[in-house]
N, C-alpha and C. Protein backbone atom coordinates (compact mmCIF):
# COMPACT_ATOMS: atom_id res chain seq x y z
N MET A 1 138.57 163.57 158.78
CA MET A 1 139.88 164.22 158.77
C MET A 1 140.25 164.62 157.35
N TYR A 2 141.23 165.49 157.24
CA TYR A 2 141.77 165.85 155.92
C TYR A 2 143.26 166.14 156.07
N ALA A 3 144.04 165.41 155.33
CA ALA A 3 145.49 165.61 155.36
C ALA A 3 146.07 165.16 154.02
N LYS A 4 147.24 165.66 153.72
CA LYS A 4 147.96 165.25 152.51
C LYS A 4 149.30 164.67 152.92
N ILE A 5 149.60 163.51 152.37
CA ILE A 5 150.87 162.83 152.62
C ILE A 5 151.62 162.73 151.30
N GLN A 6 152.82 163.29 151.26
CA GLN A 6 153.61 163.29 150.03
C GLN A 6 154.58 162.11 150.03
N ILE A 7 154.57 161.37 148.95
CA ILE A 7 155.50 160.25 148.77
C ILE A 7 156.54 160.66 147.74
N THR A 8 157.79 160.69 148.15
CA THR A 8 158.87 161.08 147.24
C THR A 8 159.89 159.95 147.14
N GLY A 9 160.70 160.01 146.13
CA GLY A 9 161.73 159.01 145.94
C GLY A 9 162.32 159.12 144.54
N THR A 10 162.95 158.05 144.10
CA THR A 10 163.62 158.03 142.80
C THR A 10 163.28 156.74 142.07
N ILE A 11 162.99 156.87 140.79
CA ILE A 11 162.81 155.71 139.91
C ILE A 11 164.07 155.55 139.07
N GLU A 12 164.72 154.41 139.17
CA GLU A 12 165.91 154.13 138.38
C GLU A 12 165.55 153.22 137.21
N VAL A 13 165.94 153.62 136.03
CA VAL A 13 165.72 152.82 134.83
C VAL A 13 166.85 151.79 134.72
N LYS A 14 166.50 150.52 134.79
CA LYS A 14 167.50 149.45 134.76
C LYS A 14 167.75 148.91 133.36
N THR A 15 166.74 148.94 132.50
CA THR A 15 166.91 148.56 131.10
C THR A 15 166.22 149.62 130.24
N GLY A 16 166.66 149.77 129.00
CA GLY A 16 166.11 150.80 128.13
C GLY A 16 164.59 150.86 128.18
N MET A 17 164.04 152.05 128.36
CA MET A 17 162.59 152.20 128.57
C MET A 17 161.98 153.03 127.45
N HIS A 18 160.83 152.56 126.95
CA HIS A 18 160.12 153.29 125.90
C HIS A 18 158.71 153.63 126.34
N ILE A 19 158.49 154.92 126.59
CA ILE A 19 157.14 155.46 126.77
C ILE A 19 156.93 156.42 125.62
N GLY A 20 156.07 156.05 124.70
CA GLY A 20 156.03 156.68 123.39
C GLY A 20 155.48 158.09 123.36
N GLY A 21 156.12 158.91 122.53
CA GLY A 21 155.61 160.23 122.19
C GLY A 21 155.01 160.20 120.80
N SER A 22 154.65 161.34 120.27
CA SER A 22 154.04 161.41 118.95
C SER A 22 155.08 161.45 117.85
N SER A 23 154.83 160.69 116.79
CA SER A 23 155.69 160.73 115.60
C SER A 23 154.89 161.19 114.39
N ALA A 24 153.78 161.91 114.63
CA ALA A 24 152.88 162.31 113.56
C ALA A 24 153.56 163.20 112.53
N PHE A 25 154.53 164.02 112.96
CA PHE A 25 155.17 164.96 112.04
C PHE A 25 156.66 164.65 111.88
N ALA A 26 157.01 163.38 112.00
CA ALA A 26 158.41 162.99 111.89
C ALA A 26 158.90 163.12 110.46
N ALA A 27 160.14 163.55 110.33
CA ALA A 27 160.76 163.69 109.01
C ALA A 27 161.13 162.32 108.46
N ILE A 28 161.28 162.25 107.15
CA ILE A 28 161.67 161.00 106.51
C ILE A 28 163.04 160.58 107.04
N GLY A 29 163.17 159.33 107.44
CA GLY A 29 164.43 158.83 107.96
C GLY A 29 164.59 159.00 109.45
N SER A 30 163.63 159.60 110.12
CA SER A 30 163.74 159.79 111.56
C SER A 30 163.30 158.54 112.29
N VAL A 31 163.41 158.57 113.62
CA VAL A 31 163.05 157.43 114.45
C VAL A 31 161.57 157.10 114.30
N ASP A 32 161.26 155.81 114.16
CA ASP A 32 159.87 155.39 113.98
C ASP A 32 159.04 155.60 115.24
N ALA A 33 159.66 155.35 116.41
CA ALA A 33 158.92 155.42 117.67
C ALA A 33 159.73 156.21 118.69
N PRO A 34 159.55 157.53 118.74
CA PRO A 34 160.29 158.35 119.71
C PRO A 34 159.70 158.21 121.11
N VAL A 35 160.49 158.57 122.11
CA VAL A 35 159.98 158.57 123.48
C VAL A 35 159.37 159.93 123.78
N LEU A 36 158.51 159.95 124.79
CA LEU A 36 157.90 161.20 125.23
C LEU A 36 158.96 162.07 125.91
N LYS A 37 158.96 163.36 125.59
CA LYS A 37 159.95 164.28 126.14
C LYS A 37 159.27 165.52 126.72
N ASP A 38 159.92 166.10 127.71
CA ASP A 38 159.46 167.36 128.29
C ASP A 38 159.63 168.47 127.26
N ALA A 39 158.58 169.21 126.99
CA ALA A 39 158.62 170.25 125.95
C ALA A 39 159.62 171.36 126.28
N ARG A 40 159.87 171.60 127.56
CA ARG A 40 160.76 172.70 127.95
C ARG A 40 162.23 172.33 127.83
N THR A 41 162.58 171.09 128.12
CA THR A 41 163.98 170.70 128.15
C THR A 41 164.37 169.72 127.05
N SER A 42 163.39 169.14 126.39
CA SER A 42 163.62 168.09 125.38
C SER A 42 164.26 166.84 125.98
N LEU A 43 164.16 166.69 127.29
CA LEU A 43 164.68 165.49 127.96
C LEU A 43 163.53 164.52 128.19
N PRO A 44 163.84 163.21 128.25
CA PRO A 44 162.78 162.23 128.46
C PRO A 44 162.09 162.42 129.81
N MET A 45 160.84 162.03 129.88
CA MET A 45 160.05 162.14 131.10
C MET A 45 159.17 160.92 131.25
N ILE A 46 158.61 160.73 132.44
CA ILE A 46 157.64 159.66 132.69
C ILE A 46 156.32 160.32 133.08
N PRO A 47 155.28 160.19 132.29
CA PRO A 47 153.99 160.77 132.67
C PRO A 47 153.45 160.10 133.93
N GLY A 48 152.84 160.90 134.79
CA GLY A 48 152.23 160.33 135.98
C GLY A 48 151.18 159.29 135.64
N SER A 49 150.48 159.50 134.52
CA SER A 49 149.43 158.56 134.11
C SER A 49 150.00 157.19 133.77
N SER A 50 151.23 157.15 133.26
CA SER A 50 151.84 155.86 132.92
C SER A 50 152.13 155.05 134.17
N LEU A 51 152.69 155.71 135.19
CA LEU A 51 152.99 155.00 136.44
C LEU A 51 151.71 154.59 137.15
N LYS A 52 150.77 155.50 137.27
CA LYS A 52 149.53 155.21 137.99
C LYS A 52 148.74 154.10 137.29
N GLY A 53 148.63 154.18 135.96
CA GLY A 53 147.89 153.18 135.21
C GLY A 53 148.51 151.80 135.30
N LYS A 54 149.84 151.75 135.22
CA LYS A 54 150.52 150.46 135.29
C LYS A 54 150.36 149.83 136.67
N MET A 55 150.51 150.64 137.71
CA MET A 55 150.36 150.12 139.06
C MET A 55 148.94 149.60 139.29
N ARG A 56 147.96 150.35 138.81
CA ARG A 56 146.57 149.92 139.01
C ARG A 56 146.29 148.62 138.26
N THR A 57 146.83 148.50 137.05
CA THR A 57 146.64 147.28 136.27
C THR A 57 147.23 146.07 136.98
N LEU A 58 148.44 146.22 137.51
CA LEU A 58 149.08 145.11 138.22
C LEU A 58 148.32 144.76 139.50
N LEU A 59 147.89 145.78 140.22
CA LEU A 59 147.15 145.54 141.46
C LEU A 59 145.80 144.88 141.19
N ALA A 60 145.18 145.23 140.06
CA ALA A 60 143.90 144.63 139.71
C ALA A 60 144.04 143.12 139.53
N LYS A 61 145.16 142.69 138.99
CA LYS A 61 145.38 141.25 138.80
C LYS A 61 145.45 140.53 140.14
N GLU A 62 145.92 141.23 141.15
CA GLU A 62 146.08 140.61 142.47
C GLU A 62 144.83 140.72 143.33
N TYR A 63 144.18 141.88 143.29
CA TYR A 63 143.08 142.14 144.22
C TYR A 63 141.70 141.81 143.65
N ASN A 64 141.54 141.84 142.34
CA ASN A 64 140.22 141.55 141.78
C ASN A 64 139.94 140.05 141.82
N THR A 65 138.74 139.70 142.20
CA THR A 65 138.36 138.28 142.24
C THR A 65 137.86 137.79 140.89
N THR A 66 137.45 138.72 140.02
CA THR A 66 137.05 138.38 138.66
C THR A 66 137.76 139.33 137.71
N VAL A 67 137.75 139.01 136.44
CA VAL A 67 138.38 139.88 135.43
C VAL A 67 137.50 141.10 135.22
N ALA A 68 138.01 142.26 135.55
CA ALA A 68 137.25 143.51 135.40
C ALA A 68 137.45 144.06 134.00
N ARG A 69 136.37 144.27 133.28
CA ARG A 69 136.47 144.81 131.93
C ARG A 69 136.92 146.27 131.94
N LYS A 70 136.57 146.98 133.00
CA LYS A 70 136.92 148.38 133.12
C LYS A 70 137.45 148.64 134.53
N PRO A 71 138.29 149.68 134.70
CA PRO A 71 138.77 150.02 136.04
C PRO A 71 137.65 150.30 137.03
N ASP A 72 136.49 150.78 136.52
CA ASP A 72 135.36 151.07 137.40
C ASP A 72 134.80 149.82 138.06
N GLU A 73 135.23 148.64 137.59
CA GLU A 73 134.76 147.38 138.15
C GLU A 73 135.81 146.72 139.04
N ASP A 74 136.85 147.47 139.39
CA ASP A 74 137.90 146.93 140.25
C ASP A 74 137.39 146.64 141.65
N ALA A 75 138.21 145.96 142.43
CA ALA A 75 137.89 145.67 143.82
C ALA A 75 137.65 146.98 144.57
N PRO A 76 136.78 146.97 145.58
CA PRO A 76 136.46 148.19 146.32
C PRO A 76 137.69 148.91 146.88
N CYS A 77 138.69 148.16 147.34
CA CYS A 77 139.88 148.81 147.90
C CYS A 77 140.65 149.59 146.84
N LEU A 78 140.63 149.11 145.58
CA LEU A 78 141.31 149.82 144.50
C LEU A 78 140.52 151.04 144.06
N ILE A 79 139.20 150.91 144.01
CA ILE A 79 138.37 152.05 143.65
C ILE A 79 138.49 153.15 144.71
N ARG A 80 138.55 152.74 145.99
CA ARG A 80 138.72 153.71 147.07
C ARG A 80 140.02 154.50 146.91
N LEU A 81 141.06 153.80 146.47
CA LEU A 81 142.38 154.43 146.36
C LEU A 81 142.56 155.18 145.05
N PHE A 82 142.16 154.55 143.94
CA PHE A 82 142.43 155.13 142.62
C PHE A 82 141.25 155.86 142.01
N GLY A 83 140.06 155.70 142.57
CA GLY A 83 138.90 156.41 142.07
C GLY A 83 138.10 155.65 141.03
N SER A 84 136.96 156.24 140.66
CA SER A 84 136.07 155.63 139.68
C SER A 84 135.30 156.72 138.95
N ALA A 85 135.06 156.50 137.66
CA ALA A 85 134.27 157.43 136.85
C ALA A 85 132.92 156.84 136.49
N LYS A 86 132.52 155.79 137.19
CA LYS A 86 131.25 155.12 136.88
C LYS A 86 130.08 156.06 137.12
N ALA A 87 129.13 156.04 136.19
CA ALA A 87 127.97 156.92 136.28
C ALA A 87 127.24 156.74 137.61
N ASN A 88 126.94 157.85 138.23
CA ASN A 88 126.22 157.90 139.51
C ASN A 88 127.02 157.34 140.68
N LYS A 89 128.25 156.90 140.41
CA LYS A 89 129.11 156.39 141.50
C LYS A 89 130.53 156.93 141.35
N VAL A 90 130.62 158.19 140.94
CA VAL A 90 131.94 158.81 140.74
C VAL A 90 132.66 158.93 142.08
N LYS A 91 133.91 158.51 142.10
CA LYS A 91 134.72 158.61 143.32
C LYS A 91 136.08 159.20 142.96
N ARG A 92 136.46 160.23 143.66
CA ARG A 92 137.72 160.91 143.39
C ARG A 92 138.89 160.06 143.87
N SER A 93 139.97 160.07 143.10
CA SER A 93 141.16 159.33 143.47
C SER A 93 141.83 159.95 144.68
N ARG A 94 142.32 159.11 145.57
CA ARG A 94 143.10 159.60 146.70
C ARG A 94 144.57 159.79 146.33
N VAL A 95 144.96 159.28 145.17
CA VAL A 95 146.36 159.30 144.76
C VAL A 95 146.55 160.25 143.58
N LEU A 96 147.38 161.25 143.76
CA LEU A 96 147.68 162.21 142.70
C LEU A 96 149.15 162.01 142.29
N VAL A 97 149.37 161.50 141.09
CA VAL A 97 150.72 161.16 140.63
C VAL A 97 151.21 162.23 139.66
N SER A 98 152.30 162.90 140.01
CA SER A 98 152.85 163.96 139.16
C SER A 98 153.72 163.37 138.05
N ASP A 99 153.85 164.12 136.95
CA ASP A 99 154.81 163.74 135.92
C ASP A 99 156.21 163.70 136.54
N MET A 100 157.05 162.83 136.02
CA MET A 100 158.39 162.65 136.58
C MET A 100 159.45 163.05 135.56
N PHE A 101 160.43 163.82 136.01
CA PHE A 101 161.43 164.38 135.12
C PHE A 101 162.82 163.86 135.45
N LEU A 102 163.67 163.82 134.42
CA LEU A 102 165.03 163.31 134.58
C LEU A 102 165.81 164.18 135.56
N LYS A 103 166.47 163.56 136.53
CA LYS A 103 167.15 164.32 137.58
C LYS A 103 168.67 164.15 137.57
N ASN A 104 169.21 163.30 136.72
CA ASN A 104 170.67 163.12 136.70
C ASN A 104 171.26 163.33 135.32
N ALA A 105 170.68 164.26 134.55
CA ALA A 105 171.17 164.52 133.19
C ALA A 105 172.64 164.95 133.19
N ASP A 106 173.01 165.84 134.10
CA ASP A 106 174.40 166.33 134.14
C ASP A 106 175.36 165.20 134.46
N GLU A 107 174.98 164.34 135.40
CA GLU A 107 175.84 163.22 135.76
C GLU A 107 176.05 162.27 134.58
N LEU A 108 174.99 162.00 133.84
CA LEU A 108 175.10 161.11 132.68
C LEU A 108 175.99 161.72 131.61
N ARG A 109 175.87 163.01 131.42
CA ARG A 109 176.73 163.67 130.42
C ARG A 109 178.19 163.67 130.85
N ARG A 110 178.45 163.78 132.14
CA ARG A 110 179.84 163.73 132.62
C ARG A 110 180.45 162.36 132.38
N GLN A 111 179.62 161.35 132.21
CA GLN A 111 180.11 160.00 131.91
C GLN A 111 180.44 159.84 130.43
N GLY A 112 180.26 160.92 129.66
CA GLY A 112 180.64 160.90 128.26
C GLY A 112 179.51 160.62 127.29
N LEU A 113 178.29 160.56 127.77
CA LEU A 113 177.15 160.29 126.90
C LEU A 113 176.80 161.53 126.09
N GLN A 114 176.65 161.38 124.80
CA GLN A 114 176.28 162.48 123.93
C GLN A 114 174.76 162.66 123.87
N SER A 115 174.04 161.59 124.11
CA SER A 115 172.58 161.64 124.08
C SER A 115 172.04 160.89 125.28
N LEU A 116 170.91 161.36 125.81
CA LEU A 116 170.31 160.72 126.98
C LEU A 116 169.22 159.73 126.58
N THR A 117 169.12 159.46 125.29
CA THR A 117 168.29 158.36 124.79
C THR A 117 169.14 157.55 123.81
N GLU A 118 168.66 156.37 123.49
CA GLU A 118 169.36 155.50 122.54
C GLU A 118 168.36 155.02 121.50
N ILE A 119 168.87 154.66 120.35
CA ILE A 119 168.04 154.13 119.28
C ILE A 119 168.30 152.63 119.16
N LYS A 120 167.27 151.86 119.36
CA LYS A 120 167.39 150.41 119.23
C LYS A 120 166.75 149.99 117.91
N PHE A 121 167.53 149.29 117.11
CA PHE A 121 167.05 148.80 115.83
C PHE A 121 166.45 147.41 116.02
N GLU A 122 165.21 147.27 115.59
CA GLU A 122 164.53 145.98 115.69
C GLU A 122 164.01 145.57 114.32
N ASN A 123 163.73 144.29 114.20
CA ASN A 123 163.32 143.76 112.91
C ASN A 123 162.33 142.63 113.12
N THR A 124 161.27 142.63 112.35
CA THR A 124 160.34 141.50 112.35
C THR A 124 160.37 140.88 110.95
N ILE A 125 160.21 139.58 110.92
CA ILE A 125 160.25 138.85 109.66
C ILE A 125 158.89 138.20 109.41
N ASN A 126 158.31 138.47 108.26
CA ASN A 126 157.08 137.81 107.88
C ASN A 126 157.39 136.33 107.62
N ARG A 127 156.78 135.45 108.38
CA ARG A 127 157.12 134.04 108.26
C ARG A 127 156.70 133.44 106.93
N ALA A 128 155.68 134.01 106.32
CA ALA A 128 155.20 133.46 105.05
C ALA A 128 156.05 133.93 103.87
N THR A 129 156.48 135.21 103.90
CA THR A 129 157.20 135.78 102.75
C THR A 129 158.67 136.01 103.01
N ALA A 130 159.08 135.93 104.29
CA ALA A 130 160.46 136.20 104.69
C ALA A 130 160.86 137.66 104.47
N VAL A 131 159.87 138.54 104.29
CA VAL A 131 160.15 139.96 104.10
C VAL A 131 160.40 140.61 105.46
N ALA A 132 161.48 141.39 105.55
CA ALA A 132 161.85 142.05 106.80
C ALA A 132 161.09 143.37 106.97
N ASN A 133 160.81 143.71 108.20
CA ASN A 133 160.15 144.98 108.53
C ASN A 133 160.95 145.66 109.63
N PRO A 134 162.02 146.35 109.26
CA PRO A 134 162.88 146.99 110.28
C PRO A 134 162.23 148.25 110.84
N ARG A 135 162.57 148.57 112.08
CA ARG A 135 162.10 149.80 112.69
C ARG A 135 163.10 150.27 113.74
N GLN A 136 163.02 151.57 114.04
CA GLN A 136 163.91 152.18 115.01
C GLN A 136 163.08 152.65 116.21
N ILE A 137 163.45 152.20 117.40
CA ILE A 137 162.72 152.56 118.61
C ILE A 137 163.64 153.32 119.54
N GLU A 138 163.21 154.51 119.94
CA GLU A 138 163.99 155.30 120.88
C GLU A 138 163.72 154.82 122.30
N ARG A 139 164.77 154.77 123.13
CA ARG A 139 164.62 154.32 124.51
C ARG A 139 165.37 155.26 125.46
N VAL A 140 164.82 155.43 126.64
CA VAL A 140 165.54 156.11 127.71
C VAL A 140 166.66 155.18 128.17
N ILE A 141 167.87 155.69 128.31
CA ILE A 141 169.01 154.83 128.61
C ILE A 141 168.98 154.33 130.05
N ARG A 142 169.55 153.16 130.28
CA ARG A 142 169.63 152.61 131.64
C ARG A 142 170.51 153.52 132.49
N GLY A 143 170.19 153.60 133.75
CA GLY A 143 170.91 154.50 134.65
C GLY A 143 170.24 155.85 134.81
N SER A 144 169.21 156.11 134.02
CA SER A 144 168.47 157.37 134.15
C SER A 144 167.66 157.35 135.45
N LEU A 145 167.63 158.49 136.12
CA LEU A 145 166.90 158.62 137.38
C LEU A 145 165.81 159.67 137.25
N PHE A 146 164.62 159.32 137.72
CA PHE A 146 163.48 160.23 137.66
C PHE A 146 162.93 160.45 139.06
N GLY A 147 162.53 161.68 139.33
CA GLY A 147 162.02 162.02 140.64
C GLY A 147 160.57 161.59 140.82
N LEU A 148 160.31 160.78 141.84
CA LEU A 148 158.96 160.30 142.15
C LEU A 148 158.26 161.31 143.05
N ASP A 149 157.03 161.67 142.71
CA ASP A 149 156.27 162.63 143.51
C ASP A 149 154.79 162.25 143.46
N ILE A 150 154.30 161.67 144.56
CA ILE A 150 152.91 161.23 144.66
C ILE A 150 152.29 161.88 145.88
N MET A 151 151.10 162.41 145.71
CA MET A 151 150.37 163.01 146.83
C MET A 151 149.19 162.10 147.18
N TYR A 152 149.15 161.69 148.43
CA TYR A 152 148.04 160.87 148.92
C TYR A 152 147.16 161.74 149.82
N GLU A 153 145.87 161.77 149.53
CA GLU A 153 144.93 162.56 150.31
C GLU A 153 144.23 161.65 151.33
N ALA A 154 144.53 161.88 152.59
CA ALA A 154 143.96 161.06 153.67
C ALA A 154 142.56 161.55 154.01
N GLU A 155 141.62 160.63 154.01
CA GLU A 155 140.24 160.95 154.35
C GLU A 155 139.79 160.26 155.64
N GLU A 156 140.24 159.02 155.83
CA GLU A 156 139.90 158.25 157.01
C GLU A 156 141.19 157.73 157.63
N GLU A 157 141.45 158.12 158.86
CA GLU A 157 142.72 157.72 159.49
C GLU A 157 142.86 156.21 159.55
N GLY A 158 141.76 155.52 159.78
CA GLY A 158 141.81 154.07 159.88
C GLY A 158 142.10 153.36 158.58
N GLU A 159 142.07 154.08 157.44
CA GLU A 159 142.30 153.45 156.13
C GLU A 159 143.68 153.78 155.56
N ILE A 160 144.43 154.65 156.22
CA ILE A 160 145.71 155.10 155.66
C ILE A 160 146.69 153.94 155.50
N GLU A 161 146.86 153.15 156.54
CA GLU A 161 147.84 152.06 156.46
C GLU A 161 147.46 151.03 155.41
N GLU A 162 146.17 150.71 155.32
CA GLU A 162 145.73 149.76 154.30
C GLU A 162 145.99 150.32 152.90
N ASP A 163 145.72 151.59 152.69
CA ASP A 163 145.99 152.21 151.39
C ASP A 163 147.49 152.18 151.07
N PHE A 164 148.32 152.44 152.07
CA PHE A 164 149.76 152.42 151.83
C PHE A 164 150.27 151.01 151.60
N GLN A 165 149.63 150.04 152.21
CA GLN A 165 150.01 148.66 151.93
C GLN A 165 149.74 148.32 150.47
N ILE A 166 148.62 148.81 149.93
CA ILE A 166 148.30 148.58 148.52
C ILE A 166 149.30 149.32 147.63
N LEU A 167 149.61 150.56 147.96
CA LEU A 167 150.59 151.32 147.17
C LEU A 167 151.95 150.62 147.18
N ALA A 168 152.38 150.19 148.36
CA ALA A 168 153.67 149.52 148.46
C ALA A 168 153.68 148.24 147.62
N GLU A 169 152.56 147.52 147.63
CA GLU A 169 152.46 146.31 146.81
C GLU A 169 152.51 146.66 145.32
N GLY A 170 151.93 147.81 144.95
CA GLY A 170 152.02 148.26 143.56
C GLY A 170 153.45 148.54 143.14
N PHE A 171 154.21 149.19 144.01
CA PHE A 171 155.63 149.43 143.72
C PHE A 171 156.38 148.10 143.58
N ARG A 172 156.08 147.17 144.48
CA ARG A 172 156.77 145.88 144.45
C ARG A 172 156.46 145.11 143.17
N LEU A 173 155.18 145.07 142.80
CA LEU A 173 154.79 144.37 141.58
C LEU A 173 155.46 144.99 140.36
N LEU A 174 155.52 146.31 140.32
CA LEU A 174 156.12 146.98 139.17
C LEU A 174 157.61 146.70 139.07
N SER A 175 158.28 146.57 140.20
CA SER A 175 159.72 146.28 140.17
C SER A 175 160.00 144.90 139.59
N TYR A 176 158.98 144.03 139.54
CA TYR A 176 159.13 142.71 138.92
C TYR A 176 158.47 142.65 137.54
N ASP A 177 158.01 143.79 137.05
CA ASP A 177 157.35 143.85 135.76
C ASP A 177 158.10 144.86 134.88
N TYR A 178 157.41 145.77 134.24
CA TYR A 178 158.07 146.76 133.41
C TYR A 178 157.18 147.99 133.27
N LEU A 179 157.82 149.10 132.96
CA LEU A 179 157.10 150.36 132.75
C LEU A 179 157.28 150.78 131.30
N GLY A 180 156.19 151.20 130.66
CA GLY A 180 156.26 151.55 129.24
C GLY A 180 155.90 150.37 128.37
N GLY A 181 156.43 150.36 127.15
CA GLY A 181 156.10 149.32 126.20
C GLY A 181 157.20 148.31 126.00
N ASN A 182 156.86 147.21 125.32
CA ASN A 182 157.82 146.20 124.87
C ASN A 182 158.53 145.48 126.02
N GLY A 183 157.85 145.35 127.14
CA GLY A 183 158.47 144.71 128.29
C GLY A 183 158.84 143.27 128.05
N SER A 184 158.12 142.58 127.19
CA SER A 184 158.44 141.17 126.92
C SER A 184 159.76 141.03 126.17
N ARG A 185 160.24 142.14 125.61
CA ARG A 185 161.54 142.12 124.91
C ARG A 185 162.63 142.77 125.75
N GLY A 186 162.38 142.89 127.05
CA GLY A 186 163.43 143.36 127.95
C GLY A 186 163.41 144.84 128.28
N TYR A 187 162.44 145.58 127.77
CA TYR A 187 162.39 147.01 128.01
C TYR A 187 161.79 147.31 129.41
N GLY A 188 162.13 148.47 129.93
CA GLY A 188 161.37 149.10 131.00
C GLY A 188 161.47 148.54 132.40
N LYS A 189 162.53 147.82 132.73
CA LYS A 189 162.68 147.37 134.11
C LYS A 189 163.09 148.56 134.97
N VAL A 190 162.43 148.74 136.11
CA VAL A 190 162.72 149.89 136.97
C VAL A 190 162.87 149.43 138.42
N LEU A 191 163.56 150.26 139.20
CA LEU A 191 163.69 150.05 140.63
C LEU A 191 163.33 151.35 141.35
N PHE A 192 162.92 151.23 142.60
CA PHE A 192 162.57 152.40 143.41
C PHE A 192 163.60 152.58 144.52
N HIS A 193 164.01 153.83 144.74
CA HIS A 193 164.99 154.14 145.78
C HIS A 193 164.49 155.32 146.63
N ASP A 194 164.92 155.32 147.89
CA ASP A 194 164.70 156.46 148.79
C ASP A 194 163.22 156.87 148.86
N VAL A 195 162.33 155.91 148.84
CA VAL A 195 160.90 156.22 148.88
C VAL A 195 160.50 156.48 150.33
N LYS A 196 159.87 157.60 150.57
CA LYS A 196 159.44 157.93 151.93
C LYS A 196 158.17 158.78 151.89
N ALA A 197 157.46 158.77 153.00
CA ALA A 197 156.21 159.52 153.12
C ALA A 197 156.34 160.58 154.20
N ASP A 198 155.84 161.79 153.91
CA ASP A 198 155.86 162.90 154.86
C ASP A 198 154.51 163.61 154.82
N VAL A 199 154.01 163.96 155.97
CA VAL A 199 152.78 164.74 156.05
C VAL A 199 153.09 166.19 155.69
N VAL A 200 152.38 166.72 154.69
CA VAL A 200 152.63 168.10 154.26
C VAL A 200 151.45 169.02 154.51
N VAL A 201 150.27 168.46 154.73
CA VAL A 201 149.07 169.24 155.07
C VAL A 201 148.32 168.49 156.16
N GLY A 202 147.88 169.20 157.19
CA GLY A 202 147.11 168.58 158.25
C GLY A 202 148.00 167.82 159.22
N ALA A 203 147.38 166.92 159.97
CA ALA A 203 148.10 166.15 160.99
C ALA A 203 147.69 164.69 160.92
N VAL A 204 148.69 163.82 160.98
CA VAL A 204 148.47 162.37 161.00
C VAL A 204 149.32 161.79 162.12
N ASP A 205 148.78 160.85 162.83
CA ASP A 205 149.50 160.23 163.93
C ASP A 205 150.89 159.75 163.48
N ALA A 206 151.92 160.10 164.26
CA ALA A 206 153.30 159.77 163.89
C ALA A 206 153.50 158.26 163.77
N GLY A 207 152.79 157.50 164.58
CA GLY A 207 152.92 156.04 164.50
C GLY A 207 152.43 155.50 163.17
N ILE A 208 151.36 156.07 162.64
CA ILE A 208 150.84 155.65 161.34
C ILE A 208 151.86 155.94 160.24
N ILE A 209 152.43 157.14 160.26
CA ILE A 209 153.42 157.51 159.25
C ILE A 209 154.64 156.61 159.34
N SER A 210 155.07 156.29 160.56
CA SER A 210 156.21 155.40 160.73
C SER A 210 155.94 154.02 160.13
N ARG A 211 154.74 153.51 160.36
CA ARG A 211 154.39 152.18 159.81
C ARG A 211 154.24 152.24 158.29
N CYS A 212 153.73 153.35 157.77
CA CYS A 212 153.64 153.51 156.31
C CYS A 212 155.02 153.54 155.68
N ASN A 213 155.97 154.22 156.32
CA ASN A 213 157.33 154.26 155.80
C ASN A 213 158.00 152.90 155.87
N ALA A 214 157.66 152.13 156.90
CA ALA A 214 158.19 150.77 156.98
C ALA A 214 157.70 149.92 155.81
N LEU A 215 156.46 150.12 155.40
CA LEU A 215 155.92 149.41 154.23
C LEU A 215 156.66 149.83 152.96
N LEU A 216 156.92 151.12 152.82
CA LEU A 216 157.60 151.62 151.62
C LEU A 216 159.05 151.15 151.56
N GLU A 217 159.70 151.01 152.72
CA GLU A 217 161.10 150.58 152.73
C GLU A 217 161.27 149.18 152.17
N GLN A 218 160.23 148.38 152.25
CA GLN A 218 160.32 147.00 151.79
C GLN A 218 160.38 146.87 150.27
N VAL A 219 160.03 147.94 149.55
CA VAL A 219 159.97 147.82 148.08
C VAL A 219 161.16 148.46 147.40
N MET A 220 162.09 149.02 148.16
CA MET A 220 163.21 149.73 147.54
C MET A 220 164.29 148.77 147.06
N GLY A 221 164.86 149.09 145.89
CA GLY A 221 165.88 148.24 145.32
C GLY A 221 167.24 148.48 145.94
């Protein structure tokens, strides 16, 4: 069979999130660690690779029976879903994760916000010399909403529900972890809302889609 199932929804940023952009040409006195922004709008964005990579990493901890040095050594169910680039065993990913863009910029501005990012000042102290090393980290502000858009390519009808169970578990694990950097310092907590699956190409049994949506409903905040 061949079908495409689109997963849509919303990612809500619950604590300041930092997914880094380039600071290679930053002016003197500018932010040390800027966030990645959409080149067209200059608004913060979430790369699809960040979400997909984080979910796969979390799932690997749960599904792998041994520590995999590379993603190509993940459990077979993860390789089936996320793909592999291993020589002579290349497998295409069934999951296509699109970049995610800010969807409530106007609403945030109506709340009186002048900027849709914030600058957090942090400081590390050298324990031997007591010398301070201050830095400025840009973060996406809490309350920001990003549109989730994932395309799942169905190849075997009998594997769809199992694949969606893994995806749903990835969403659940991420809601208890963090997206981006500096999560141990409170950054990047996210929640998922209004997540649903719809067949957009081909035909899939309605009962399967209903059960897949039931799995997705369990991970929403």
